[in-house]
Structure formats: C-alpha cells, structure tokens
N, C-alpha and C. Protein backbone atom coordinates (compact mmCIF):
# COMPACT_ATOMS: atom_id res chain seq x y z
N UNK A 1 0.84 -1.18 0.00
CA UNK A 1 0.00 0.00 0.00
C UNK A 1 0.88 1.24 0.00
N UNK A 2 0.27 2.34 -0.37
CA UNK A 2 1.03 3.57 -0.49
C UNK A 2 0.93 4.41 0.77
N UNK A 3 1.46 5.61 0.67
CA UNK A 3 1.42 6.53 1.80
C UNK A 3 0.21 7.46 1.74
N UNK A 4 -0.79 7.12 0.95
CA UNK A 4 -2.01 7.92 0.87
C UNK A 4 -2.75 7.85 2.20
N UNK A 5 -3.35 8.97 2.64
CA UNK A 5 -4.04 8.96 3.93
C UNK A 5 -5.32 8.13 3.96
N UNK A 6 -5.91 7.88 2.79
CA UNK A 6 -7.15 7.10 2.74
C UNK A 6 -6.93 5.93 1.80
N UNK A 7 -7.21 4.73 2.28
CA UNK A 7 -7.16 3.53 1.45
C UNK A 7 -8.55 2.92 1.42
N UNK A 8 -9.10 2.79 0.22
CA UNK A 8 -10.40 2.14 0.03
C UNK A 8 -10.14 0.76 -0.53
N UNK A 9 -10.71 -0.25 0.10
CA UNK A 9 -10.54 -1.62 -0.37
C UNK A 9 -11.91 -2.15 -0.75
N UNK A 10 -12.04 -2.55 -2.01
CA UNK A 10 -13.29 -3.16 -2.48
C UNK A 10 -12.96 -4.59 -2.89
N UNK A 11 -13.94 -5.46 -2.74
CA UNK A 11 -13.69 -6.87 -3.00
C UNK A 11 -14.91 -7.53 -3.60
N UNK A 12 -14.66 -8.52 -4.42
CA UNK A 12 -15.71 -9.39 -4.96
C UNK A 12 -16.81 -8.61 -5.67
N UNK A 13 -16.41 -7.74 -6.60
CA UNK A 13 -17.40 -6.96 -7.35
C UNK A 13 -18.09 -7.81 -8.42
N UNK A 14 -17.40 -8.79 -8.96
CA UNK A 14 -17.97 -9.69 -9.96
C UNK A 14 -18.60 -8.92 -11.12
N UNK A 15 -17.83 -8.00 -11.71
CA UNK A 15 -18.31 -7.26 -12.87
C UNK A 15 -18.44 -8.25 -14.01
N UNK A 16 -19.64 -8.37 -14.55
CA UNK A 16 -19.85 -9.37 -15.58
C UNK A 16 -20.88 -8.96 -16.61
N UNK A 17 -21.52 -9.96 -17.15
CA UNK A 17 -22.44 -9.77 -18.26
C UNK A 17 -23.76 -9.13 -17.91
N UNK A 18 -24.11 -9.11 -16.66
CA UNK A 18 -25.37 -8.49 -16.26
C UNK A 18 -26.58 -9.35 -16.59
N UNK A 19 -27.70 -8.70 -16.79
CA UNK A 19 -28.96 -9.41 -16.99
C UNK A 19 -28.95 -10.31 -18.22
N UNK A 20 -28.14 -9.99 -19.23
CA UNK A 20 -28.11 -10.81 -20.44
C UNK A 20 -27.28 -12.08 -20.27
N UNK A 21 -26.56 -12.20 -19.17
CA UNK A 21 -25.73 -13.37 -18.90
C UNK A 21 -26.46 -14.29 -17.93
N UNK A 22 -26.94 -15.46 -18.40
CA UNK A 22 -27.71 -16.34 -17.52
C UNK A 22 -26.92 -16.87 -16.33
N UNK A 23 -25.60 -16.84 -16.38
CA UNK A 23 -24.79 -17.31 -15.27
C UNK A 23 -24.43 -16.23 -14.27
N UNK A 24 -24.82 -15.00 -14.56
CA UNK A 24 -24.48 -13.87 -13.69
C UNK A 24 -25.63 -13.64 -12.71
N UNK A 25 -25.37 -13.92 -11.44
CA UNK A 25 -26.43 -13.79 -10.43
C UNK A 25 -26.20 -12.59 -9.52
N UNK A 26 -25.44 -11.63 -9.99
CA UNK A 26 -25.10 -10.48 -9.15
C UNK A 26 -25.95 -9.27 -9.51
N UNK A 27 -25.79 -8.22 -8.75
CA UNK A 27 -26.56 -7.00 -8.94
C UNK A 27 -26.31 -6.44 -10.34
N UNK A 28 -27.37 -6.00 -10.98
CA UNK A 28 -27.27 -5.51 -12.36
C UNK A 28 -27.15 -3.99 -12.44
N UNK A 29 -27.15 -3.30 -11.32
CA UNK A 29 -27.06 -1.84 -11.32
C UNK A 29 -25.62 -1.43 -11.59
N UNK A 30 -25.35 -1.03 -12.82
CA UNK A 30 -23.98 -0.71 -13.22
C UNK A 30 -23.49 0.61 -12.65
N UNK A 31 -24.38 1.41 -12.12
CA UNK A 31 -23.98 2.74 -11.65
C UNK A 31 -23.46 2.73 -10.21
N UNK A 32 -23.64 1.67 -9.47
CA UNK A 32 -23.26 1.67 -8.06
C UNK A 32 -21.76 1.92 -7.85
N UNK A 33 -20.92 1.19 -8.55
CA UNK A 33 -19.48 1.35 -8.36
C UNK A 33 -19.03 2.71 -8.89
N UNK A 34 -19.56 3.11 -10.03
CA UNK A 34 -19.23 4.42 -10.59
C UNK A 34 -19.59 5.53 -9.61
N UNK A 35 -20.79 5.45 -9.04
CA UNK A 35 -21.24 6.47 -8.09
C UNK A 35 -20.38 6.47 -6.82
N UNK A 36 -19.98 5.29 -6.37
CA UNK A 36 -19.10 5.18 -5.20
C UNK A 36 -17.78 5.91 -5.46
N UNK A 37 -17.18 5.64 -6.62
CA UNK A 37 -15.91 6.28 -6.96
C UNK A 37 -16.09 7.79 -7.09
N UNK A 38 -17.16 8.20 -7.72
CA UNK A 38 -17.42 9.64 -7.88
C UNK A 38 -17.55 10.32 -6.52
N UNK A 39 -18.30 9.71 -5.61
CA UNK A 39 -18.47 10.31 -4.27
C UNK A 39 -17.13 10.42 -3.55
N UNK A 40 -16.28 9.41 -3.70
CA UNK A 40 -14.97 9.47 -3.05
C UNK A 40 -14.11 10.59 -3.65
N UNK A 41 -14.22 10.79 -4.95
CA UNK A 41 -13.42 11.83 -5.60
C UNK A 41 -13.86 13.23 -5.22
N UNK A 42 -15.05 13.35 -4.67
CA UNK A 42 -15.58 14.66 -4.27
C UNK A 42 -15.21 15.02 -2.83
N UNK A 43 -14.61 14.10 -2.09
CA UNK A 43 -14.19 14.40 -0.72
C UNK A 43 -12.92 15.26 -0.77
N UNK A 44 -12.58 15.91 0.33
CA UNK A 44 -11.33 16.70 0.34
C UNK A 44 -10.10 15.85 -0.05
N UNK A 45 -10.03 14.63 0.46
CA UNK A 45 -8.90 13.75 0.12
C UNK A 45 -8.91 13.40 -1.36
N UNK A 46 -10.09 13.13 -1.88
CA UNK A 46 -10.20 12.79 -3.30
C UNK A 46 -9.80 13.94 -4.20
N UNK A 47 -10.19 15.14 -3.84
CA UNK A 47 -9.82 16.32 -4.63
C UNK A 47 -8.32 16.55 -4.63
N UNK A 48 -7.65 16.15 -3.56
CA UNK A 48 -6.18 16.27 -3.49
C UNK A 48 -5.48 15.07 -4.13
N UNK A 49 -6.22 14.03 -4.49
CA UNK A 49 -5.60 12.82 -5.02
C UNK A 49 -4.99 11.95 -3.94
N UNK A 50 -5.51 12.07 -2.72
CA UNK A 50 -4.95 11.35 -1.58
C UNK A 50 -5.74 10.10 -1.22
N UNK A 51 -6.28 9.43 -2.22
CA UNK A 51 -7.02 8.19 -1.98
C UNK A 51 -6.38 7.09 -2.81
N UNK A 52 -6.14 5.98 -2.16
CA UNK A 52 -5.64 4.79 -2.82
C UNK A 52 -6.80 3.80 -2.93
N UNK A 53 -7.00 3.23 -4.11
CA UNK A 53 -8.05 2.24 -4.32
C UNK A 53 -7.40 0.88 -4.52
N UNK A 54 -7.79 -0.07 -3.68
CA UNK A 54 -7.31 -1.45 -3.80
C UNK A 54 -8.49 -2.31 -4.22
N UNK A 55 -8.36 -2.96 -5.37
CA UNK A 55 -9.40 -3.88 -5.84
C UNK A 55 -8.93 -5.28 -5.50
N UNK A 56 -9.64 -5.91 -4.57
CA UNK A 56 -9.24 -7.19 -4.03
C UNK A 56 -10.28 -8.24 -4.42
N UNK A 57 -9.88 -9.46 -4.52
CA UNK A 57 -10.84 -10.52 -4.78
C UNK A 57 -11.28 -10.57 -6.24
N UNK A 58 -12.45 -11.10 -6.46
CA UNK A 58 -12.96 -11.33 -7.81
C UNK A 58 -13.56 -10.05 -8.37
N UNK A 59 -12.81 -9.39 -9.26
CA UNK A 59 -13.29 -8.15 -9.86
C UNK A 59 -14.17 -8.43 -11.08
N UNK A 60 -13.70 -9.32 -11.96
CA UNK A 60 -14.46 -9.66 -13.17
C UNK A 60 -15.12 -11.01 -13.00
N UNK A 61 -16.30 -11.14 -13.57
CA UNK A 61 -17.05 -12.39 -13.51
C UNK A 61 -16.41 -13.41 -14.42
C-alpha cells in the first residue's frame, strides 16, 4: 500500500455480463461502483488525489 491517507478496499465486485448473462447472479445496477468512486473523488482527500483504491478478490465475472 502507499502513503495515501485514505485507502479504500473493495472486493468481490464480480463485474460481468449483467442481466443478459444467464450465469451472472449479481446486482445488475452498473452505476453503483461508478457512483461510489465519484463520491470518493468529491471528498477533500479525493480532490487532493490522496485516496488509494485497492481492488481485491474477484473483480471480473
């Protein structure tokens, strides 16, 4: 990890085919992760670039 004051760790997002993929049983709302990242970038730390994002676990389906 870096020396950033804020570390965000996300895990097991399972980004996949969505509703058109019969094997994908995860949430189909594609805007959730985007909105999460946007909200973090609007914080004082985010505006300074002082956030580290760690993507852990299963990112892609």
